[in-house]
Protein backbone atom coordinates (compact mmCIF):
# COMPACT_ATOMS: atom_id res chain seq x y z
CA MET A 1 0.11 0.12 0.04
CA PRO A 2 1.40 3.79 -0.56
CA GLU A 3 3.28 4.88 2.37
CA LEU A 4 1.17 7.18 4.50
CA THR A 5 2.87 10.72 5.11
CA MET A 6 2.34 13.50 7.71
CA PRO A 7 2.69 17.01 6.48
CA GLU A 8 6.11 18.65 6.79
CA LEU A 9 6.97 21.37 9.07
CA THR A 10 9.78 23.37 8.27
CA MET A 11 11.94 26.27 10.09
CA PRO A 12 13.29 29.04 8.73
CA GLU A 13 16.95 28.71 6.86
CA PRO A 14 19.96 29.44 9.14
CA VAL A 15 22.32 31.69 8.29
CA ASN A 16 24.91 28.81 8.11
CA PRO A 17 23.40 26.28 5.99
CA GLU A 18 25.26 23.56 7.92
CA PRO A 19 22.75 22.30 10.72
CA ALA A 20 24.01 22.42 13.92
CA GLY A 21 24.43 19.02 15.37
CA GLY A 22 23.15 17.68 12.53
CA THR A 23 24.54 16.30 8.76
CA PRO A 24 22.03 14.90 6.44
CA VAL A 25 23.46 12.20 4.18
CA SER A 26 22.03 9.69 1.71
CA ALA A 27 20.86 6.70 3.02
CA SER A 28 21.74 4.54 0.06
CA GLY A 29 23.24 1.05 0.83
CA ALA A 30 22.51 1.67 4.43
CA ASP A 31 21.47 -0.54 7.44
CA GLU A 32 17.61 -1.52 7.25
CA VAL A 33 15.30 -0.53 10.13
CA GLU A 34 11.77 -2.20 10.35
CA ILE A 35 9.29 -0.24 11.64
CA TRP A 36 5.99 -1.73 12.53
CA ARG A 37 3.17 0.20 13.03
CA ILE A 38 0.57 -1.65 15.59
CA PRO A 39 -2.88 -0.26 15.79
CA LEU A 40 -3.87 -0.43 19.30
CA ASP A 41 -8.08 0.41 18.50
CA SER A 42 -8.73 -2.77 16.69
CA TRP A 43 -11.25 -4.41 18.85
CA PRO A 44 -15.24 -2.89 19.28
CA ASP A 45 -14.69 -2.95 23.39
CA PRO A 46 -12.58 -0.24 24.17
CA GLU A 47 -11.49 -2.10 27.40
CA GLY A 48 -11.40 -5.38 25.43
CA TYR A 49 -8.62 -7.62 23.73
CA PRO A 50 -7.81 -11.09 22.55
CA PRO A 51 -7.38 -12.95 25.83
CA GLU A 52 -4.80 -15.26 23.73
CA LEU A 53 -2.38 -12.10 23.49
CA GLU A 54 -2.12 -11.40 27.56
CA ASP A 55 -1.54 -15.21 27.46
CA ILE A 56 1.74 -14.67 26.15
CA LEU A 57 2.99 -12.03 28.54
CA ASP A 58 5.12 -12.96 31.09
CA ASP A 59 4.44 -12.15 34.74
CA ALA A 60 6.01 -8.95 35.29
CA GLU A 61 4.70 -7.48 32.03
CA LYS A 62 0.96 -8.84 33.58
CA GLU A 63 1.30 -7.28 36.53
CA ARG A 64 2.02 -4.09 34.98
CA ALA A 65 -0.79 -4.24 32.73
CA ARG A 66 -2.94 -4.84 35.77
CA ARG A 67 -1.87 -1.45 37.04
CA GLY A 68 -3.40 0.39 34.48
CA THR A 69 -6.12 2.42 35.62
CA GLU A 70 -6.74 5.02 33.02
CA PRO A 71 -9.62 3.81 30.16
CA GLY A 72 -8.19 1.89 27.58
CA MET A 73 -4.38 1.86 29.30
CA ARG A 74 -4.55 -2.34 29.90
CA ARG A 75 -5.84 -3.05 26.46
CA ARG A 76 -3.14 -0.58 24.86
CA PHE A 77 -0.29 -2.24 26.94
CA VAL A 78 -1.46 -5.91 26.69
CA ILE A 79 -1.76 -5.64 22.28
CA ALA A 80 1.67 -3.63 21.97
CA HIS A 81 3.73 -5.98 24.16
CA ALA A 82 2.10 -9.30 22.65
CA ALA A 83 2.79 -7.78 19.48
CA LEU A 84 6.48 -6.93 20.27
CA ARG A 85 6.88 -10.71 21.54
CA ILE A 86 4.91 -12.18 18.43
CA ILE A 87 7.26 -10.29 16.09
CA LEU A 88 10.41 -11.12 17.70
CA GLY A 89 9.50 -14.79 18.09
CA GLU A 90 8.97 -14.83 14.70
CA ARG A 91 12.29 -13.22 13.86
CA LEU A 92 13.95 -15.63 16.48
CA GLY A 93 12.03 -18.90 15.61
CA ARG A 94 10.44 -19.31 19.42
CA ALA A 95 7.24 -19.06 20.69
CA PRO A 96 6.34 -15.43 21.59
CA GLU A 97 5.68 -16.81 25.29
CA SER A 98 9.26 -18.03 25.61
CA VAL A 99 11.36 -14.46 24.27
CA ARG A 100 12.95 -13.57 27.28
CA LEU A 101 13.39 -9.66 27.94
CA THR A 102 15.66 -7.80 30.42
CA ARG A 103 15.67 -4.04 31.09
CA GLY A 104 18.83 -1.91 31.13
CA ARG A 105 19.38 0.83 34.27
CA TRP A 106 16.78 3.18 32.92
CA GLY A 107 14.21 1.14 31.41
CA LYS A 108 15.31 0.18 28.26
CA PRO A 109 13.98 -3.44 27.14
CA ARG A 110 16.41 -5.79 25.33
CA LEU A 111 16.86 -9.68 24.74
CA ALA A 112 18.29 -11.47 27.56
CA GLN A 113 19.72 -13.94 25.08
CA GLY A 114 21.37 -10.87 23.43
CA ASP A 115 21.50 -13.15 19.66
CA GLY A 116 18.70 -11.26 18.41
CA PRO A 117 18.03 -7.85 16.62
CA HIS A 118 18.17 -4.49 19.03
CA PHE A 119 14.62 -2.99 19.26
CA SER A 120 12.80 -0.25 20.99
CA LEU A 121 8.68 0.22 21.09
CA SER A 122 6.81 3.07 21.88
CA HIS A 123 2.99 3.50 22.12
CA SER A 124 0.72 6.72 22.43
CA GLY A 125 -3.04 7.21 22.01
CA GLU A 126 -4.05 4.23 19.73
CA LEU A 127 -0.94 3.38 17.80
CA ALA A 128 2.13 2.09 18.91
CA LEU A 129 5.48 1.75 17.06
CA LEU A 130 8.26 -1.40 17.20
CA ALA A 131 11.68 -0.75 15.18
CA LEU A 132 14.35 -3.62 14.75
CA ALA A 133 17.51 -2.68 13.84
CA PRO A 134 21.31 -4.01 13.50
CA ARG A 135 22.48 -1.76 16.16
CA PRO A 136 21.30 0.06 19.22
CA VAL A 137 17.82 1.72 18.12
CA GLY A 138 15.21 3.95 19.52
CA VAL A 139 11.73 4.84 18.15
CA ASP A 140 8.89 7.25 19.56
CA VAL A 141 5.61 8.28 18.73
CA GLU A 142 3.47 11.38 20.34
CA ARG A 143 -0.13 12.27 19.87
CA PRO A 144 -0.27 15.77 21.01
CA ARG A 145 -2.12 16.07 24.23
CA ALA A 146 -4.94 18.24 25.31
CA GLY A 147 -3.59 21.01 28.31
CA LEU A 148 -0.43 20.83 27.18
CA ASP A 149 1.33 24.10 27.04
CA PRO A 150 4.13 23.34 24.36
CA ALA A 151 5.41 26.86 24.11
CA ARG A 152 6.34 26.74 27.87
CA LEU A 153 7.59 23.50 28.06
CA ALA A 154 9.98 24.35 24.82
CA GLU A 155 11.15 27.58 26.43
CA ARG A 156 12.25 25.85 29.58
CA PHE A 157 13.85 22.59 28.03
CA PHE A 158 14.59 23.35 24.40
CA PRO A 159 17.28 25.24 22.52
CA ALA A 160 16.33 28.90 21.82
CA GLU A 161 15.79 28.37 18.08
CA GLU A 162 13.68 25.15 18.83
CA SER A 163 11.40 26.91 21.43
CA ALA A 164 10.91 29.79 18.57
CA TRP A 165 9.55 27.26 16.11
CA VAL A 166 7.45 25.72 18.72
CA ALA A 167 5.94 29.44 19.73
CA ARG A 168 5.01 29.93 16.11
CA ASP A 169 4.13 26.32 15.08
CA GLY A 170 2.65 24.94 18.39
CA ARG A 171 1.60 21.01 19.47
CA ARG A 172 2.88 19.82 15.81
CA ALA A 173 5.86 21.44 16.03
CA PHE A 174 6.42 20.28 19.71
CA ALA A 175 5.96 16.81 18.86
CA ARG A 176 8.10 16.54 15.90
CA LEU A 177 11.34 17.77 18.12
CA TRP A 178 10.00 15.50 21.07
CA THR A 179 9.72 12.62 19.23
CA ARG A 180 13.54 13.10 17.54
CA LYS A 181 15.41 13.80 21.12
CA GLU A 182 12.98 11.05 22.95
CA ALA A 183 14.17 8.55 19.92
CA CYS A 184 17.70 9.51 20.58
CA VAL A 185 17.33 8.85 24.28
CA LYS A 186 15.71 5.59 24.07
CA ALA A 187 18.50 4.06 21.43
CA ALA A 188 21.27 5.33 24.34
CA GLY A 189 18.96 3.45 27.17
CA GLY A 190 19.28 6.88 28.90
CA ARG A 191 17.32 9.41 30.70
CA LEU A 192 14.72 11.89 29.01
CA ALA A 193 16.48 14.60 31.12
CA GLN A 194 19.42 13.98 28.93
CA GLY A 195 18.02 14.78 25.77
CA MET A 196 16.45 17.66 26.02
CA ALA A 197 19.25 20.18 24.97
CA LEU A 198 19.93 17.76 21.73
CA PRO A 199 19.60 20.02 18.64
CA VAL A 200 17.21 18.36 16.30
CA GLY A 201 15.39 21.12 14.84
CA ARG A 202 17.73 22.47 11.61
CA PHE A 203 17.01 19.25 9.26
CA SER A 204 14.69 17.25 7.19
CA GLY A 205 15.20 13.78 5.86
CA GLN A 206 18.17 12.29 7.95
CA ALA A 207 20.29 13.86 10.00
CA ALA A 208 23.59 12.88 12.49
CA VAL A 209 23.01 14.68 16.18
CA ARG A 210 25.13 15.17 18.81
CA ASP A 211 24.81 16.55 22.06
CA PRO A 212 27.17 19.80 22.94
CA THR A 213 26.71 19.63 26.21
CA GLY A 214 27.92 15.95 26.14
CA SER A 215 25.06 14.71 28.69
CA LEU A 216 24.17 12.43 25.73
CA PRO A 217 27.70 10.70 24.84
CA GLY A 218 27.60 9.64 21.21
CA THR A 219 26.47 10.56 18.06
CA TRP A 220 22.70 9.31 16.64
CA ARG A 221 21.19 9.23 13.46
CA VAL A 222 17.86 10.87 13.24
CA GLN A 223 14.89 10.56 10.90
CA ASP A 224 11.15 11.11 11.07
CA VAL A 225 8.63 8.21 10.56
CA PRO A 226 5.77 9.35 8.52
CA LEU A 227 2.46 8.99 10.19
CA THR A 228 -0.83 9.81 9.62
CA GLY A 229 -3.33 12.67 11.43
CA ALA A 230 -1.89 14.20 14.66
CA TYR A 231 0.52 11.67 15.39
CA ALA A 232 4.47 12.40 15.26
CA GLY A 233 6.98 9.71 15.13
CA ALA A 234 10.61 9.37 15.04
CA VAL A 235 13.52 6.82 14.91
CA ALA A 236 17.08 7.06 16.18
CA LEU A 237 20.23 4.71 15.68
CA LEU A 238 23.53 4.65 17.46
CA GLY A 239 26.12 5.67 15.13
CA ASP A 240 26.56 8.48 12.28
CA GLY A 241 26.11 5.42 9.60
CA PRO A 242 22.77 6.47 7.62
CA PHE A 243 19.82 3.67 7.39
CA SER A 244 17.03 3.20 5.36
CA VAL A 245 13.32 2.65 6.90
CA SER A 246 11.19 -0.28 6.07
CA LEU A 247 7.39 -0.06 7.09
CA ARG A 248 5.24 -2.49 8.22
CA MET A 249 2.05 -2.85 9.66
CA TRP A 250 0.96 -5.91 12.37
CA TYR A 251 -2.24 -7.08 13.03
CA HIS A 252 -3.88 -9.89 15.00
CA ILE A 253 -5.51 -12.81 13.41
CA PRO A 254 -7.87 -14.71 15.60
CA PRO A 255 -5.94 -18.25 16.29
CA GLU A 256 -8.78 -19.81 14.92
CA GLN A 257 -8.09 -18.69 11.48
CA SER A 258 -4.21 -18.46 11.85
CA GLY A 259 -3.61 -21.98 13.81
CA SER A 260 -1.46 -20.70 16.29
CA VAL A 261 -1.15 -17.19 18.28
CA TRP A 262 2.55 -16.80 17.15
CA ASN A 263 1.57 -17.06 13.69
CA THR A 264 -0.32 -13.69 13.82
CA LEU A 265 1.59 -11.61 11.62
CA GLY A 266 0.66 -9.45 8.88
CA VAL A 267 2.45 -7.40 6.62
CA LYS A 268 0.44 -4.28 4.47
């Protein structure tokens, strides 16, 4: 199916055409990153989900799902994390419930066995994104929230030029910048506060980003993820080497139609 695109947001051209902190390059011959779009609103019951999906979660994930108290929170968590296990299980040739995950110091998940792809999962509203890559990766998706004061937050945490962009263009600009920064933080396995100073506003396409403060060490290659509606998304990989993106869609097929719960992958 044709790729879905989000309208581009633009910033005024800088006097110096070389972006501060970002250097666009071609992605030909680059590493491939799979980005799976996972819809979380496919069931008529807003609080419901296929019970077989919760069955494949581990005990820690089931406990986290039970703690969800806001409307739809448990459903969204179960579907997103079950899809993660199903996709990883298919890649590793294992049943999804046998995939063992562990978490780093600041919560970044990874395969306990250490013999598969790097991955990152993010969900917001009724959409989740999963990125699989050959090197450390972070992905983020955000749907702008009502009641958020983006200009105030940007003025407090973002570089001055990015703050001015948000003051002019509002929530959509804030979401675009936020996802780029958070994708880098997730790829690094760090804390969100470490990414607020990252200069991520002066590029389109793909760019290498470095933290001028040194709070988030390394170089991160960042690219927006094309999404529909109000959603903004971004993906970042460790290193300054370019990468290509392959967009895919996951959807659930009932076991009586598929024959087994871990054979429920679909690609559109």
